[in-house]
Amino acid sequence: MDHGTASAYGLWSLVLINSAVFIVFAFSFTKPKTNRDWRSLGVFSAFIVALFTEMYGFPLTIYLLSGWLTQNYPGVDFLSHENGHLWHTILGLGGNAHFDVLHILSNVFIFAGFWLLASAWNVLYKAQQTGTLAKTGTYSHLRHPQYLGFIIIMTGFLLQWPTLPTLIMFPILVYFYVRLAKHEEKQALVDFGNEYRNYMNETPGFIPRFNPTSMEAE
């Protein structure tokens, strides 16, 4: 959605609406119950709010980089929404920014991330209901598909609309999710013992190994 220079920013209603939509989506796909679940959703929500604040509210990154941008891209109005897609402008990609290769790849990442959240929750919910270890479906390929889903979604947004706050937040949040995963594994070892230890030995944490065997039936 494009806006003219005068109205490209300061659209706080769009900040609220877009933030709410993605946070509610994430909530519906993860169904947080424990304090760790809520922290996981909370840090993702902070990333989303920071992103849409710059996308529609106040373009902090553009102001901070205004000197460099003006010097290297004279005549470009970076306060227009179209040129706010910094990768598109800096890399000199032609045409509509919403249809360039990075934007399309971004949408693929975001969709894939939410799909991973949804499919992982389906397996996890069934395991919680029966008091068993979640290790089918996406959990047969990696131990932390939900956290990977959050990371993939954030990567997608960085391809679409990079900002200094979200670029700084991203590695911090990845570290947070890795630490959170390690804490959960300690508890899983207490709850499931050797069964989880064997699962850890056979299944990677965040980077799946795509072997010839297909996913187990959920």
C-alpha atoms as a PDB file:
ATOM      1  CA  MET A   1       0.000   0.000   0.000  1.00  0.00           C
ATOM      2  CA  ASP A   2       1.604   3.254  -1.103  1.00  0.00           C
ATOM      3  CA  HIS A   3       1.194   6.677   0.439  1.00  0.00           C
ATOM      4  CA  GLY A   4       2.212  10.135  -0.693  1.00  0.00           C
ATOM      5  CA  THR A   5       4.963  12.034   1.105  1.00  0.00           C
ATOM      6  CA  ALA A   6       2.538  13.989   3.263  1.00  0.00           C
ATOM      7  CA  SER A   7       0.728  10.911   4.542  1.00  0.00           C
ATOM      8  CA  ALA A   8       3.329   8.133   4.367  1.00  0.00           C
ATOM      9  CA  TYR A   9       3.943   8.254   8.128  1.00  0.00           C
ATOM     10  CA  GLY A  10       2.106   9.275  11.259  1.00  0.00           C
ATOM     11  CA  LEU A  11      -0.509   6.620  10.468  1.00  0.00           C
ATOM     12  CA  TRP A  12      -0.728   5.271  13.988  1.00  0.00           C
ATOM     13  CA  SER A  13      -4.014   3.490  13.333  1.00  0.00           C
ATOM     14  CA  LEU A  14      -2.180   1.325  10.768  1.00  0.00           C
ATOM     15  CA  VAL A  15       0.578   0.682  13.315  1.00  0.00           C
ATOM     16  CA  LEU A  16      -2.006  -0.592  15.789  1.00  0.00           C
ATOM     17  CA  ILE A  17      -4.029  -2.600  13.256  1.00  0.00           C
ATOM     18  CA  ASN A  18      -1.061  -4.314  11.573  1.00  0.00           C
ATOM     19  CA  SER A  19       0.670  -5.031  14.892  1.00  0.00           C
ATOM     20  CA  ALA A  20      -2.529  -6.479  16.331  1.00  0.00           C
ATOM     21  CA  VAL A  21      -3.157  -8.676  13.278  1.00  0.00           C
ATOM     22  CA  PHE A  22       0.278 -10.322  13.346  1.00  0.00           C
ATOM     23  CA  ILE A  23       0.400 -10.654  17.127  1.00  0.00           C
ATOM     24  CA  VAL A  24      -3.070 -12.239  17.190  1.00  0.00           C
ATOM     25  CA  PHE A  25      -2.005 -14.585  14.383  1.00  0.00           C
ATOM     26  CA  ALA A  26       1.045 -15.629  16.375  1.00  0.00           C
ATOM     27  CA  PHE A  27      -1.064 -16.027  19.520  1.00  0.00           C
ATOM     28  CA  SER A  28      -3.602 -18.216  17.717  1.00  0.00           C
ATOM     29  CA  PHE A  29      -0.840 -20.443  16.332  1.00  0.00           C
ATOM     30  CA  THR A  30       1.127 -20.852  19.572  1.00  0.00           C
ATOM     31  CA  LYS A  31      -1.562 -20.851  22.302  1.00  0.00           C
ATOM     32  CA  PRO A  32       0.823 -19.715  25.099  1.00  0.00           C
ATOM     33  CA  LYS A  33       0.273 -21.351  28.476  1.00  0.00           C
ATOM     34  CA  THR A  34       3.504 -21.216  30.485  1.00  0.00           C
ATOM     35  CA  ASN A  35       5.575 -18.163  31.415  1.00  0.00           C
ATOM     36  CA  ARG A  36       8.140 -19.227  28.801  1.00  0.00           C
ATOM     37  CA  ASP A  37       5.417 -19.345  26.156  1.00  0.00           C
ATOM     38  CA  TRP A  38       4.329 -15.814  27.018  1.00  0.00           C
ATOM     39  CA  ARG A  39       7.917 -14.539  26.991  1.00  0.00           C
ATOM     40  CA  SER A  40       8.417 -16.109  23.579  1.00  0.00           C
ATOM     41  CA  LEU A  41       5.321 -14.383  22.210  1.00  0.00           C
ATOM     42  CA  GLY A  42       6.213 -11.163  24.040  1.00  0.00           C
ATOM     43  CA  VAL A  43       9.624 -10.667  22.448  1.00  0.00           C
ATOM     44  CA  PHE A  44       8.175 -11.476  19.011  1.00  0.00           C
ATOM     45  CA  SER A  45       5.434  -8.904  19.649  1.00  0.00           C
ATOM     46  CA  ALA A  46       8.062  -6.283  20.543  1.00  0.00           C
ATOM     47  CA  PHE A  47       9.771  -6.917  17.195  1.00  0.00           C
ATOM     48  CA  ILE A  48       6.454  -6.575  15.332  1.00  0.00           C
ATOM     49  CA  VAL A  49       5.525  -3.318  17.086  1.00  0.00           C
ATOM     50  CA  ALA A  50       8.981  -1.835  16.400  1.00  0.00           C
ATOM     51  CA  LEU A  51       8.668  -2.821  12.747  1.00  0.00           C
ATOM     52  CA  PHE A  52       5.251  -1.329  12.092  1.00  0.00           C
ATOM     53  CA  THR A  53       6.053   1.784  14.122  1.00  0.00           C
ATOM     54  CA  GLU A  54       8.742   2.578  11.568  1.00  0.00           C
ATOM     55  CA  MET A  55       6.732   1.342   8.598  1.00  0.00           C
ATOM     56  CA  TYR A  56       3.726   3.573   9.273  1.00  0.00           C
ATOM     57  CA  GLY A  57       4.379   5.678  12.379  1.00  0.00           C
ATOM     58  CA  PHE A  58       7.772   7.368  12.644  1.00  0.00           C
ATOM     59  CA  PRO A  59      10.665   6.496  10.237  1.00  0.00           C
ATOM     60  CA  LEU A  60      13.462   6.596  12.809  1.00  0.00           C
ATOM     61  CA  THR A  61      15.929   4.683  10.627  1.00  0.00           C
ATOM     62  CA  ILE A  62      15.455   7.059   7.683  1.00  0.00           C
ATOM     63  CA  TYR A  63      16.016  10.075   9.929  1.00  0.00           C
ATOM     64  CA  LEU A  64      19.136   8.571  11.481  1.00  0.00           C
ATOM     65  CA  LEU A  65      20.543   7.686   8.054  1.00  0.00           C
ATOM     66  CA  SER A  66      19.258  10.828   6.325  1.00  0.00           C
ATOM     67  CA  GLY A  67      22.740  12.321   5.796  1.00  0.00           C
ATOM     68  CA  TRP A  68      24.116   9.176   4.180  1.00  0.00           C
ATOM     69  CA  LEU A  69      20.955   8.580   2.167  1.00  0.00           C
ATOM     70  CA  THR A  70      20.849  12.175   0.859  1.00  0.00           C
ATOM     71  CA  GLN A  71      24.505  12.062  -0.131  1.00  0.00           C
ATOM     72  CA  ASN A  72      24.323   8.721  -1.926  1.00  0.00           C
ATOM     73  CA  TYR A  73      20.794   8.936  -3.332  1.00  0.00           C
ATOM     74  CA  PRO A  74      20.172  12.590  -4.229  1.00  0.00           C
ATOM     75  CA  GLY A  75      16.682  13.370  -5.409  1.00  0.00           C
ATOM     76  CA  VAL A  76      15.139  10.298  -3.761  1.00  0.00           C
ATOM     77  CA  ASP A  77      12.260  11.105  -1.421  1.00  0.00           C
ATOM     78  CA  PHE A  78      12.803   8.635   1.398  1.00  0.00           C
ATOM     79  CA  LEU A  79       9.741   9.929   3.226  1.00  0.00           C
ATOM     80  CA  SER A  80       7.519   8.348   0.612  1.00  0.00           C
ATOM     81  CA  HIS A  81       6.318   4.891   1.545  1.00  0.00           C
ATOM     82  CA  GLU A  82       7.616   3.364  -1.695  1.00  0.00           C
ATOM     83  CA  ASN A  83      11.206   4.465  -1.000  1.00  0.00           C
ATOM     84  CA  GLY A  84      10.897   3.351   2.606  1.00  0.00           C
ATOM     85  CA  HIS A  85      11.615  -0.139   1.259  1.00  0.00           C
ATOM     86  CA  LEU A  86      15.327   0.518   1.739  1.00  0.00           C
ATOM     87  CA  TRP A  87      16.638  -2.700   0.183  1.00  0.00           C
ATOM     88  CA  HIS A  88      14.661  -1.946  -2.982  1.00  0.00           C
ATOM     89  CA  THR A  89      16.060   1.575  -3.259  1.00  0.00           C
ATOM     90  CA  ILE A  90      19.631   0.932  -2.117  1.00  0.00           C
ATOM     91  CA  LEU A  91      20.050  -2.087  -4.391  1.00  0.00           C
ATOM     92  CA  GLY A  92      18.600  -0.159  -7.321  1.00  0.00           C
ATOM     93  CA  LEU A  93      15.784  -2.623  -7.976  1.00  0.00           C
ATOM     94  CA  GLY A  94      13.350  -1.299 -10.544  1.00  0.00           C
ATOM     95  CA  GLY A  95       9.567  -1.326 -10.614  1.00  0.00           C
ATOM     96  CA  ASN A  96       7.119  -1.540  -7.747  1.00  0.00           C
ATOM     97  CA  ALA A  97       8.861  -2.415  -4.482  1.00  0.00           C
ATOM     98  CA  HIS A  98       5.968  -4.679  -3.515  1.00  0.00           C
ATOM     99  CA  PHE A  99       6.727  -7.002  -6.434  1.00  0.00           C
ATOM    100  CA  ASP A 100      10.516  -7.176  -6.378  1.00  0.00           C
ATOM    101  CA  VAL A 101      12.315 -10.428  -5.620  1.00  0.00           C
ATOM    102  CA  LEU A 102      13.076  -9.480  -1.997  1.00  0.00           C
ATOM    103  CA  HIS A 103       9.468  -8.600  -1.225  1.00  0.00           C
ATOM    104  CA  ILE A 104       8.227 -11.842  -2.779  1.00  0.00           C
ATOM    105  CA  LEU A 105      10.861 -13.825  -0.860  1.00  0.00           C
ATOM    106  CA  SER A 106       9.831 -11.952   2.282  1.00  0.00           C
ATOM    107  CA  ASN A 107       6.213 -13.057   1.850  1.00  0.00           C
ATOM    108  CA  VAL A 108       7.360 -16.647   1.331  1.00  0.00           C
ATOM    109  CA  PHE A 109       9.364 -16.528   4.576  1.00  0.00           C
ATOM    110  CA  ILE A 110       6.485 -14.986   6.533  1.00  0.00           C
ATOM    111  CA  PHE A 111       3.967 -17.533   5.216  1.00  0.00           C
ATOM    112  CA  ALA A 112       6.379 -20.418   5.858  1.00  0.00           C
ATOM    113  CA  GLY A 113       7.027 -19.191   9.397  1.00  0.00           C
ATOM    114  CA  PHE A 114       3.341 -19.049  10.274  1.00  0.00           C
ATOM    115  CA  TRP A 115       2.766 -22.446   8.653  1.00  0.00           C
ATOM    116  CA  LEU A 116       5.555 -23.853  10.822  1.00  0.00           C
ATOM    117  CA  LEU A 117       4.028 -22.315  13.950  1.00  0.00           C
ATOM    118  CA  ALA A 118       0.621 -23.778  13.135  1.00  0.00           C
ATOM    119  CA  SER A 119       1.833 -27.264  12.215  1.00  0.00           C
ATOM    120  CA  ALA A 120       4.131 -27.426  15.245  1.00  0.00           C
ATOM    121  CA  TRP A 121       1.368 -26.391  17.617  1.00  0.00           C
ATOM    122  CA  ASN A 122      -0.930 -29.092  16.235  1.00  0.00           C
ATOM    123  CA  VAL A 123       1.622 -31.779  17.129  1.00  0.00           C
ATOM    124  CA  LEU A 124       2.530 -30.207  20.472  1.00  0.00           C
ATOM    125  CA  TYR A 125      -1.093 -29.858  21.544  1.00  0.00           C
ATOM    126  CA  LYS A 126      -1.812 -33.536  20.896  1.00  0.00           C
ATOM    127  CA  ALA A 127       1.326 -34.532  22.818  1.00  0.00           C
ATOM    128  CA  GLN A 128       0.352 -32.349  25.773  1.00  0.00           C
ATOM    129  CA  GLN A 129      -3.122 -33.866  25.835  1.00  0.00           C
ATOM    130  CA  THR A 130      -1.716 -37.384  26.077  1.00  0.00           C
ATOM    131  CA  GLY A 131       1.327 -36.567  28.231  1.00  0.00           C
ATOM    132  CA  THR A 132       3.696 -37.870  25.568  1.00  0.00           C
ATOM    133  CA  LEU A 133       6.768 -36.448  23.849  1.00  0.00           C
ATOM    134  CA  ALA A 134       6.103 -34.394  20.705  1.00  0.00           C
ATOM    135  CA  LYS A 135       8.245 -35.998  18.023  1.00  0.00           C
ATOM    136  CA  THR A 136       6.033 -36.467  14.973  1.00  0.00           C
ATOM    137  CA  GLY A 137       5.248 -34.118  12.082  1.00  0.00           C
ATOM    138  CA  THR A 138       7.565 -31.111  12.129  1.00  0.00           C
ATOM    139  CA  TYR A 139       8.991 -32.375  15.426  1.00  0.00           C
ATOM    140  CA  SER A 140      10.360 -35.382  13.580  1.00  0.00           C
ATOM    141  CA  HIS A 141      12.670 -33.042  11.664  1.00  0.00           C
ATOM    142  CA  LEU A 142      13.730 -30.616  14.394  1.00  0.00           C
ATOM    143  CA  ARG A 143      13.223 -30.144  18.101  1.00  0.00           C
ATOM    144  CA  HIS A 144      12.167 -26.474  18.140  1.00  0.00           C
ATOM    145  CA  PRO A 145       9.959 -25.772  15.112  1.00  0.00           C
ATOM    146  CA  GLN A 146       7.926 -23.076  16.873  1.00  0.00           C
ATOM    147  CA  TYR A 147      10.977 -21.003  17.739  1.00  0.00           C
ATOM    148  CA  LEU A 148      12.337 -21.488  14.235  1.00  0.00           C
ATOM    149  CA  GLY A 149       8.967 -20.286  12.929  1.00  0.00           C
ATOM    150  CA  PHE A 150       9.335 -17.008  14.840  1.00  0.00           C
ATOM    151  CA  ILE A 151      12.880 -16.567  13.517  1.00  0.00           C
ATOM    152  CA  ILE A 152      11.790 -17.211   9.916  1.00  0.00           C
ATOM    153  CA  ILE A 153       8.962 -14.672  10.184  1.00  0.00           C
ATOM    154  CA  MET A 154      11.323 -12.010  11.544  1.00  0.00           C
ATOM    155  CA  THR A 155      13.806 -12.775   8.754  1.00  0.00           C
ATOM    156  CA  GLY A 156      11.017 -12.266   6.235  1.00  0.00           C
ATOM    157  CA  PHE A 157      10.157  -8.866   7.653  1.00  0.00           C
ATOM    158  CA  LEU A 158      13.818  -7.806   7.592  1.00  0.00           C
ATOM    159  CA  LEU A 159      13.929  -8.633   3.871  1.00  0.00           C
ATOM    160  CA  GLN A 160      10.851  -6.493   3.333  1.00  0.00           C
ATOM    161  CA  TRP A 161      11.411  -3.481   5.595  1.00  0.00           C
ATOM    162  CA  PRO A 162      14.781  -3.316   7.399  1.00  0.00           C
ATOM    163  CA  THR A 163      15.105  -0.870  10.285  1.00  0.00           C
ATOM    164  CA  LEU A 164      17.957  -0.189  12.693  1.00  0.00           C
ATOM    165  CA  PRO A 165      15.914  -1.208  15.792  1.00  0.00           C
ATOM    166  CA  THR A 166      14.765  -4.514  14.257  1.00  0.00           C
ATOM    167  CA  LEU A 167      18.234  -5.274  12.867  1.00  0.00           C
ATOM    168  CA  ILE A 168      19.618  -4.787  16.389  1.00  0.00           C
ATOM    169  CA  MET A 169      16.795  -6.754  17.973  1.00  0.00           C
ATOM    170  CA  PHE A 170      17.043  -9.713  15.591  1.00  0.00           C
ATOM    171  CA  PRO A 171      20.278 -11.354  16.845  1.00  0.00           C
ATOM    172  CA  ILE A 172      19.235 -10.653  20.441  1.00  0.00           C
ATOM    173  CA  LEU A 173      15.908 -12.407  19.875  1.00  0.00           C
ATOM    174  CA  VAL A 174      17.569 -15.348  18.116  1.00  0.00           C
ATOM    175  CA  TYR A 175      19.855 -15.723  21.157  1.00  0.00           C
ATOM    176  CA  PHE A 176      16.776 -15.467  23.412  1.00  0.00           C
ATOM    177  CA  TYR A 177      14.983 -18.270  21.541  1.00  0.00           C
ATOM    178  CA  VAL A 178      18.063 -20.494  21.630  1.00  0.00           C
ATOM    179  CA  ARG A 179      18.396 -19.951  25.389  1.00  0.00           C
ATOM    180  CA  LEU A 180      14.686 -20.594  25.861  1.00  0.00           C
ATOM    181  CA  ALA A 181      14.999 -23.831  23.901  1.00  0.00           C
ATOM    182  CA  LYS A 182      17.875 -24.987  26.111  1.00  0.00           C
ATOM    183  CA  HIS A 183      15.834 -24.305  29.262  1.00  0.00           C
ATOM    184  CA  GLU A 184      12.935 -26.300  27.862  1.00  0.00           C
ATOM    185  CA  GLU A 185      15.225 -29.191  26.993  1.00  0.00           C
ATOM    186  CA  LYS A 186      16.463 -29.372  30.569  1.00  0.00           C
ATOM    187  CA  GLN A 187      12.864 -29.737  31.723  1.00  0.00           C
ATOM    188  CA  ALA A 188      12.121 -32.289  28.997  1.00  0.00           C
ATOM    189  CA  LEU A 189      15.067 -34.383  30.168  1.00  0.00           C
ATOM    190  CA  VAL A 190      13.584 -34.355  33.654  1.00  0.00           C
ATOM    191  CA  ASP A 191      10.116 -35.278  32.347  1.00  0.00           C
ATOM    192  CA  PHE A 192      11.048 -37.872  29.703  1.00  0.00           C
ATOM    193  CA  GLY A 193      14.584 -38.961  30.610  1.00  0.00           C
ATOM    194  CA  ASN A 194      16.268 -41.269  28.103  1.00  0.00           C
ATOM    195  CA  GLU A 195      13.426 -40.952  25.619  1.00  0.00           C
ATOM    196  CA  TYR A 196      14.181 -37.262  25.182  1.00  0.00           C
ATOM    197  CA  ARG A 197      17.939 -37.847  25.305  1.00  0.00           C
ATOM    198  CA  ASN A 198      17.619 -40.279  22.400  1.00  0.00           C
ATOM    199  CA  TYR A 199      15.357 -37.792  20.599  1.00  0.00           C
ATOM    200  CA  MET A 200      18.033 -35.107  21.016  1.00  0.00           C
ATOM    201  CA  ASN A 201      20.669 -37.417  19.560  1.00  0.00           C
ATOM    202  CA  GLU A 202      18.523 -38.231  16.536  1.00  0.00           C
ATOM    203  CA  THR A 203      16.878 -34.871  15.817  1.00  0.00           C
ATOM    204  CA  PRO A 204      18.587 -31.488  15.197  1.00  0.00           C
ATOM    205  CA  GLY A 205      17.481 -28.426  17.150  1.00  0.00           C
ATOM    206  CA  PHE A 206      16.874 -25.655  14.623  1.00  0.00           C
ATOM    207  CA  ILE A 207      18.279 -26.744  11.243  1.00  0.00           C
ATOM    208  CA  PRO A 208      16.412 -29.772   9.885  1.00  0.00           C
ATOM    209  CA  ARG A 209      18.075 -32.632   8.071  1.00  0.00           C
ATOM    210  CA  PHE A 210      15.890 -33.563   5.128  1.00  0.00           C
ATOM    211  CA  ASN A 211      16.478 -37.273   4.804  1.00  0.00           C
ATOM    212  CA  PRO A 212      14.653 -39.652   2.456  1.00  0.00           C
ATOM    213  CA  THR A 213      12.197 -40.728   5.129  1.00  0.00           C
ATOM    214  CA  SER A 214       8.958 -38.827   5.124  1.00  0.00           C
ATOM    215  CA  MET A 215       7.329 -37.200   8.109  1.00  0.00           C
ATOM    216  CA  GLU A 216       5.722 -39.556  10.543  1.00  0.00           C
ATOM    217  CA  ALA A 217       1.966 -39.434  10.694  1.00  0.00           C
ATOM    218  CA  GLU A 218       0.782 -36.846  13.171  1.00  0.00           C
END
